[in-house]
Amino acid sequence: MEEKKFNQKKFRELLKKGIGLRTQKEFAVQAGMSPATINRMLNEDVIARPKIKTLETLASHMHNVSYSQLAEAFTQSPPRIEEVVR
């Protein structure tokens, strides 16, 4: 099966939706991330594929976007719950 690329557009849309009415800086502080990192994810032409741990952190601070939704922007399936628990 051919592997698709990271869907940056979908990821950015979900990130914007998850941030909601908060500023990028407010969201970054709440998520324990650098405001520059959030800004890069939203604005750079090409962004690196975030790590699973980053997706978990982002999702845990979003009320309207789940980890599974963020993971849909990737070719890989989200890890099974057993893998996350380990």
C-alpha atoms as a PDB file:
ATOM      1  CA  MET A   1       0.000   0.000   0.000  1.00  0.00           C
ATOM      2  CA  GLU A   2       1.358   3.420  -0.959  1.00  0.00           C
ATOM      3  CA  GLU A   3       2.002   5.748   1.939  1.00  0.00           C
ATOM      4  CA  LYS A   4       0.421   9.211   1.820  1.00  0.00           C
ATOM      5  CA  LYS A   5       2.163  12.335   3.032  1.00  0.00           C
ATOM      6  CA  PHE A   6       1.364  14.306   6.140  1.00  0.00           C
ATOM      7  CA  ASN A   7      -1.746  16.380   5.376  1.00  0.00           C
ATOM      8  CA  GLN A   8      -0.583  19.755   6.666  1.00  0.00           C
ATOM      9  CA  LYS A   9      -3.733  21.561   5.542  1.00  0.00           C
ATOM     10  CA  LYS A  10      -6.009  19.223   7.514  1.00  0.00           C
ATOM     11  CA  PHE A  11      -3.703  19.373  10.541  1.00  0.00           C
ATOM     12  CA  ARG A  12      -3.706  23.185  10.500  1.00  0.00           C
ATOM     13  CA  GLU A  13      -7.487  23.332  10.190  1.00  0.00           C
ATOM     14  CA  LEU A  14      -7.873  21.046  13.196  1.00  0.00           C
ATOM     15  CA  LEU A  15      -5.269  22.968  15.191  1.00  0.00           C
ATOM     16  CA  LYS A  16      -7.077  26.266  14.508  1.00  0.00           C
ATOM     17  CA  LYS A  17     -10.390  24.672  15.464  1.00  0.00           C
ATOM     18  CA  GLY A  18      -8.866  23.249  18.656  1.00  0.00           C
ATOM     19  CA  ILE A  19      -7.336  26.578  19.672  1.00  0.00           C
ATOM     20  CA  GLY A  20     -10.742  28.174  19.224  1.00  0.00           C
ATOM     21  CA  LEU A  21     -11.149  31.663  20.648  1.00  0.00           C
ATOM     22  CA  ARG A  22      -7.883  31.536  22.595  1.00  0.00           C
ATOM     23  CA  THR A  23      -4.834  33.321  21.254  1.00  0.00           C
ATOM     24  CA  GLN A  24      -1.958  31.194  20.019  1.00  0.00           C
ATOM     25  CA  LYS A  25       0.035  32.318  23.049  1.00  0.00           C
ATOM     26  CA  GLU A  26      -2.755  31.412  25.508  1.00  0.00           C
ATOM     27  CA  PHE A  27      -3.112  27.983  23.953  1.00  0.00           C
ATOM     28  CA  ALA A  28       0.657  27.403  23.909  1.00  0.00           C
ATOM     29  CA  VAL A  29       0.979  28.321  27.598  1.00  0.00           C
ATOM     30  CA  GLN A  30      -1.944  26.047  28.533  1.00  0.00           C
ATOM     31  CA  ALA A  31      -0.414  23.179  26.547  1.00  0.00           C
ATOM     32  CA  GLY A  32       3.062  23.770  27.987  1.00  0.00           C
ATOM     33  CA  MET A  33       4.484  24.494  24.552  1.00  0.00           C
ATOM     34  CA  SER A  34       6.385  27.376  23.053  1.00  0.00           C
ATOM     35  CA  PRO A  35       4.218  30.023  21.378  1.00  0.00           C
ATOM     36  CA  ALA A  36       6.774  29.964  18.522  1.00  0.00           C
ATOM     37  CA  THR A  37       6.074  26.243  17.986  1.00  0.00           C
ATOM     38  CA  ILE A  38       2.327  26.805  17.700  1.00  0.00           C
ATOM     39  CA  ASN A  39       2.926  29.760  15.384  1.00  0.00           C
ATOM     40  CA  ARG A  40       5.213  27.646  13.191  1.00  0.00           C
ATOM     41  CA  MET A  41       2.636  24.852  12.990  1.00  0.00           C
ATOM     42  CA  LEU A  42       0.008  27.336  11.846  1.00  0.00           C
ATOM     43  CA  ASN A  43       2.016  29.571   9.530  1.00  0.00           C
ATOM     44  CA  GLU A  44       5.135  28.030   7.981  1.00  0.00           C
ATOM     45  CA  ASP A  45       4.874  26.792   4.403  1.00  0.00           C
ATOM     46  CA  VAL A  46       6.193  23.360   5.323  1.00  0.00           C
ATOM     47  CA  ILE A  47       6.043  21.959   8.816  1.00  0.00           C
ATOM     48  CA  ALA A  48       7.601  18.840  10.252  1.00  0.00           C
ATOM     49  CA  ARG A  49       5.323  15.940  11.071  1.00  0.00           C
ATOM     50  CA  PRO A  50       4.513  16.307  14.794  1.00  0.00           C
ATOM     51  CA  LYS A  51       5.375  13.396  17.065  1.00  0.00           C
ATOM     52  CA  ILE A  52       2.643  11.292  18.650  1.00  0.00           C
ATOM     53  CA  LYS A  53       3.428  12.816  22.055  1.00  0.00           C
ATOM     54  CA  THR A  54       2.895  16.293  20.574  1.00  0.00           C
ATOM     55  CA  LEU A  55      -0.485  15.245  19.183  1.00  0.00           C
ATOM     56  CA  GLU A  56      -1.453  13.863  22.593  1.00  0.00           C
ATOM     57  CA  THR A  57      -0.444  17.139  24.264  1.00  0.00           C
ATOM     58  CA  LEU A  58      -2.329  19.259  21.745  1.00  0.00           C
ATOM     59  CA  ALA A  59      -5.463  17.111  21.936  1.00  0.00           C
ATOM     60  CA  SER A  60      -5.464  17.093  25.729  1.00  0.00           C
ATOM     61  CA  HIS A  61      -5.862  20.892  25.671  1.00  0.00           C
ATOM     62  CA  MET A  62      -8.572  20.998  23.009  1.00  0.00           C
ATOM     63  CA  HIS A  63     -12.247  20.710  23.870  1.00  0.00           C
ATOM     64  CA  ASN A  64     -13.579  20.213  20.354  1.00  0.00           C
ATOM     65  CA  VAL A  65     -10.834  18.215  18.582  1.00  0.00           C
ATOM     66  CA  SER A  66      -9.779  14.716  19.600  1.00  0.00           C
ATOM     67  CA  TYR A  67      -6.460  12.932  19.315  1.00  0.00           C
ATOM     68  CA  SER A  68      -8.001  10.620  16.707  1.00  0.00           C
ATOM     69  CA  GLN A  69      -9.042  13.591  14.603  1.00  0.00           C
ATOM     70  CA  LEU A  70      -5.524  15.050  14.731  1.00  0.00           C
ATOM     71  CA  ALA A  71      -4.066  11.651  13.858  1.00  0.00           C
ATOM     72  CA  GLU A  72      -6.238  11.500  10.731  1.00  0.00           C
ATOM     73  CA  ALA A  73      -3.883  14.071   9.194  1.00  0.00           C
ATOM     74  CA  PHE A  74      -1.259  11.299   9.148  1.00  0.00           C
ATOM     75  CA  THR A  75      -0.847   8.130   7.182  1.00  0.00           C
ATOM     76  CA  GLN A  76      -0.378   6.093  10.316  1.00  0.00           C
ATOM     77  CA  SER A  77      -3.318   4.956  12.366  1.00  0.00           C
ATOM     78  CA  PRO A  78      -3.500   6.283  15.885  1.00  0.00           C
ATOM     79  CA  PRO A  79      -1.906   3.796  18.279  1.00  0.00           C
ATOM     80  CA  ARG A  80      -4.221   1.369  19.974  1.00  0.00           C
ATOM     81  CA  ILE A  81      -5.121   2.231  23.550  1.00  0.00           C
ATOM     82  CA  GLU A  82      -2.914  -0.611  24.766  1.00  0.00           C
ATOM     83  CA  GLU A  83       0.107   1.075  23.160  1.00  0.00           C
ATOM     84  CA  VAL A  84      -0.732   4.443  24.707  1.00  0.00           C
ATOM     85  CA  VAL A  85      -1.112   2.900  28.171  1.00  0.00           C
ATOM     86  CA  ARG A  86       2.319   1.255  27.943  1.00  0.00           C
END
